[in-house]
Protein backbone atom coordinates (compact mmCIF):
# COMPACT_ATOMS: atom_id res chain seq x y z
CA UNK A 1 27.00 -7.13 48.95
CA UNK A 2 24.76 -4.07 49.20
CA UNK A 3 27.00 -2.19 46.83
CA UNK A 4 26.75 -5.00 44.24
CA UNK A 5 22.94 -5.09 44.49
CA UNK A 6 22.69 -1.31 44.22
CA UNK A 7 25.01 -1.23 41.22
CA UNK A 8 23.08 -4.09 39.59
CA UNK A 9 19.81 -2.19 40.12
CA UNK A 10 21.20 0.95 38.50
CA UNK A 11 22.48 -1.05 35.54
CA UNK A 12 19.07 -2.73 35.13
CA UNK A 13 17.23 0.60 35.31
CA UNK A 14 19.58 2.11 32.76
CA UNK A 15 19.18 -0.89 30.43
CA UNK A 16 15.38 -0.77 30.74
CA UNK A 17 15.12 2.97 30.02
CA UNK A 18 13.89 3.88 26.54
CA UNK A 19 16.66 5.01 24.28
CA UNK A 20 15.94 7.17 21.25
CA UNK A 21 18.46 6.51 18.53
CA UNK A 22 19.52 9.33 16.26
CA UNK A 23 18.13 7.32 13.35
CA UNK A 24 14.68 6.82 14.95
CA UNK A 25 12.33 6.88 11.95
CA UNK A 26 9.26 7.45 14.13
CA UNK A 27 10.63 10.93 14.73
CA UNK A 28 11.97 11.50 11.20
CA UNK A 29 10.84 14.28 8.93
CA UNK A 30 8.37 12.63 6.59
CA UNK A 31 8.50 13.62 2.92
CA UNK A 32 5.04 13.94 1.32
CA UNK A 33 4.66 12.34 -2.12
CA UNK A 34 1.30 12.86 -3.84
CA UNK A 35 0.20 10.11 -6.22
CA UNK A 36 -2.91 11.06 -8.16
CA UNK A 37 -5.05 8.26 -9.58
CA UNK A 38 -7.56 9.03 -12.28
CA UNK A 39 -8.70 8.87 -15.87
CA UNK A 40 -9.13 11.25 -18.78
CA UNK A 41 -9.63 11.06 -22.54
CA UNK A 42 -6.15 9.52 -22.86
CA UNK A 43 -6.96 6.59 -20.57
CA UNK A 44 -6.17 5.95 -16.91
CA UNK A 45 -3.13 7.28 -15.11
CA UNK A 46 -0.92 7.57 -12.05
CA UNK A 47 0.48 11.09 -11.84
CA UNK A 48 3.22 11.94 -11.92
CA UNK A 49 4.41 8.86 -13.76
CA UNK A 50 7.97 8.91 -12.39
CA UNK A 51 9.15 8.76 -8.73
CA UNK A 52 12.51 8.68 -7.01
CA UNK A 53 13.10 7.63 -3.39
CA UNK A 54 16.18 7.38 -1.17
CA UNK A 55 16.78 4.49 1.21
CA UNK A 56 16.47 5.35 4.86
CA UNK A 57 14.20 8.36 4.30
CA UNK A 58 10.62 8.36 5.57
CA UNK A 59 7.87 9.07 3.03
CA UNK A 60 4.11 9.55 3.16
CA UNK A 61 2.51 8.44 -0.10
CA UNK A 62 -0.69 10.47 -0.40
CA UNK A 63 -2.86 8.34 -2.69
CA UNK A 64 -5.56 10.62 -4.08
CA UNK A 65 -8.23 9.11 -6.30
CA UNK A 66 -9.76 11.95 -8.32
CA UNK A 67 -11.91 9.55 -10.32
CA UNK A 68 -15.51 8.33 -10.00
CA UNK A 69 -14.39 4.68 -9.77
CA UNK A 70 -12.04 2.86 -7.40
CA UNK A 71 -8.34 2.42 -8.19
CA UNK A 72 -5.48 0.70 -6.41
CA UNK A 73 -1.76 1.10 -6.07
CA UNK A 74 0.23 -2.13 -6.30
CA UNK A 75 3.92 -1.67 -5.43
CA UNK A 76 5.00 -4.91 -7.12
CA UNK A 77 8.83 -5.22 -6.85
CA UNK A 78 9.04 -1.90 -4.97
CA UNK A 79 7.04 -3.57 -2.19
CA UNK A 80 9.91 -5.98 -1.59
CA UNK A 81 12.30 -3.05 -1.06
CA UNK A 82 10.37 -0.93 1.43
CA UNK A 83 9.21 -1.11 5.03
CA UNK A 84 5.60 -0.06 5.53
CA UNK A 85 5.18 1.86 8.78
CA UNK A 86 1.39 2.14 8.40
CA UNK A 87 -1.51 3.00 6.13
CA UNK A 88 -4.07 5.54 7.34
CA UNK A 89 -7.55 6.44 6.12
CA UNK A 90 -9.46 9.44 7.47
CA UNK A 91 -12.93 10.83 6.91
CA UNK A 92 -13.64 14.16 5.17
CA UNK A 93 -13.20 16.00 8.50
CA UNK A 94 -9.74 14.51 9.01
CA UNK A 95 -10.81 12.07 11.73
CA UNK A 96 -8.88 8.81 11.62
CA UNK A 97 -11.04 5.91 10.40
CA UNK A 98 -8.39 3.21 10.39
CA UNK A 99 -4.67 2.61 10.73
CA UNK A 100 -3.24 -0.59 9.28
CA UNK A 101 0.24 -1.87 10.06
CA UNK A 102 2.29 -4.72 8.67
CA UNK A 103 3.49 -5.91 5.30
CA UNK A 104 1.26 -4.29 2.67
CA UNK A 105 1.78 -4.62 -1.08
CA UNK A 106 -1.27 -2.85 -2.50
CA UNK A 107 -3.90 -0.37 -1.37
CA UNK A 108 -7.28 0.18 -2.97
CA UNK A 109 -8.66 3.74 -2.85
CA UNK A 110 -12.37 4.43 -3.29
CA UNK A 111 -13.72 7.01 -5.73
CA UNK A 112 -12.93 10.55 -4.59
CA UNK A 113 -11.00 9.30 -1.54
CA UNK A 114 -7.47 9.72 -0.19
CA UNK A 115 -5.33 7.22 1.73
CA UNK A 116 -1.90 7.86 3.28
CA UNK A 117 0.75 5.12 3.06
CA UNK A 118 3.84 5.66 5.25
CA UNK A 119 6.96 3.89 3.94
CA UNK A 120 10.72 3.75 4.36
CA UNK A 121 12.73 2.38 1.41
CA UNK A 122 15.32 -0.08 2.71
CA UNK A 123 16.90 -1.42 -0.48
CA UNK A 124 17.84 0.16 -3.80
CA UNK A 125 16.23 -1.00 -7.04
CA UNK A 126 19.26 -0.68 -9.32
CA UNK A 127 16.97 -0.12 -12.29
CA UNK A 128 13.54 1.51 -12.37
CA UNK A 129 10.62 -0.69 -11.31
CA UNK A 130 6.93 -0.25 -12.00
CA UNK A 131 4.01 0.53 -9.70
CA UNK A 132 0.58 -0.18 -11.16
CA UNK A 133 -3.16 -0.42 -10.73
CA UNK A 134 -4.03 -4.11 -10.99
CA UNK A 135 -7.81 -3.74 -11.22
CA UNK A 136 -8.77 -5.54 -14.47
CA UNK A 137 -8.39 -3.22 -17.46
CA UNK A 138 -6.73 -0.36 -15.56
CA UNK A 139 -3.11 -1.31 -16.27
CA UNK A 140 -3.96 -1.82 -19.96
CA UNK A 141 -5.53 1.68 -19.89
CA UNK A 142 -2.22 3.16 -18.72
CA UNK A 143 -2.20 3.09 -14.89
CA UNK A 144 1.51 2.67 -14.27
CA UNK A 145 4.46 4.71 -13.06
CA UNK A 146 8.20 4.23 -12.84
CA UNK A 147 10.01 4.14 -9.48
CA UNK A 148 13.71 4.31 -8.68
CA UNK A 149 15.06 3.75 -5.16
CA UNK A 150 18.61 4.99 -4.63
């Protein structure tokens, strides 16, 4: 009886121990992708205007608003094909202000600010999809980019 209890205890301890899978995305190398938001004489823009992601890879979207007005990034259909790990905002000294987790489809970035959006694409798009700024007038002024998830 003692042997059974001891064996059961070892099995329970082993089962309760944390296991780090080889595919653990919290330890994955994160690929930085800068998305600049702004405006110029040609209108408003997301730059570059073409992105390609690979399912299962971890990315940090660095949303940098170089403009004097707020902009946002709406993932639209891309948002249905990614897992958001978190969104982080820091102050000018690099101190974390906030970390938001959960299903997020768009992020607004204040004038002259930067926000980091950590994602993992989980499903391919097949064809390119569009990410946009949905603030009234901004999409019409050109704030859009093409995204492909392979």
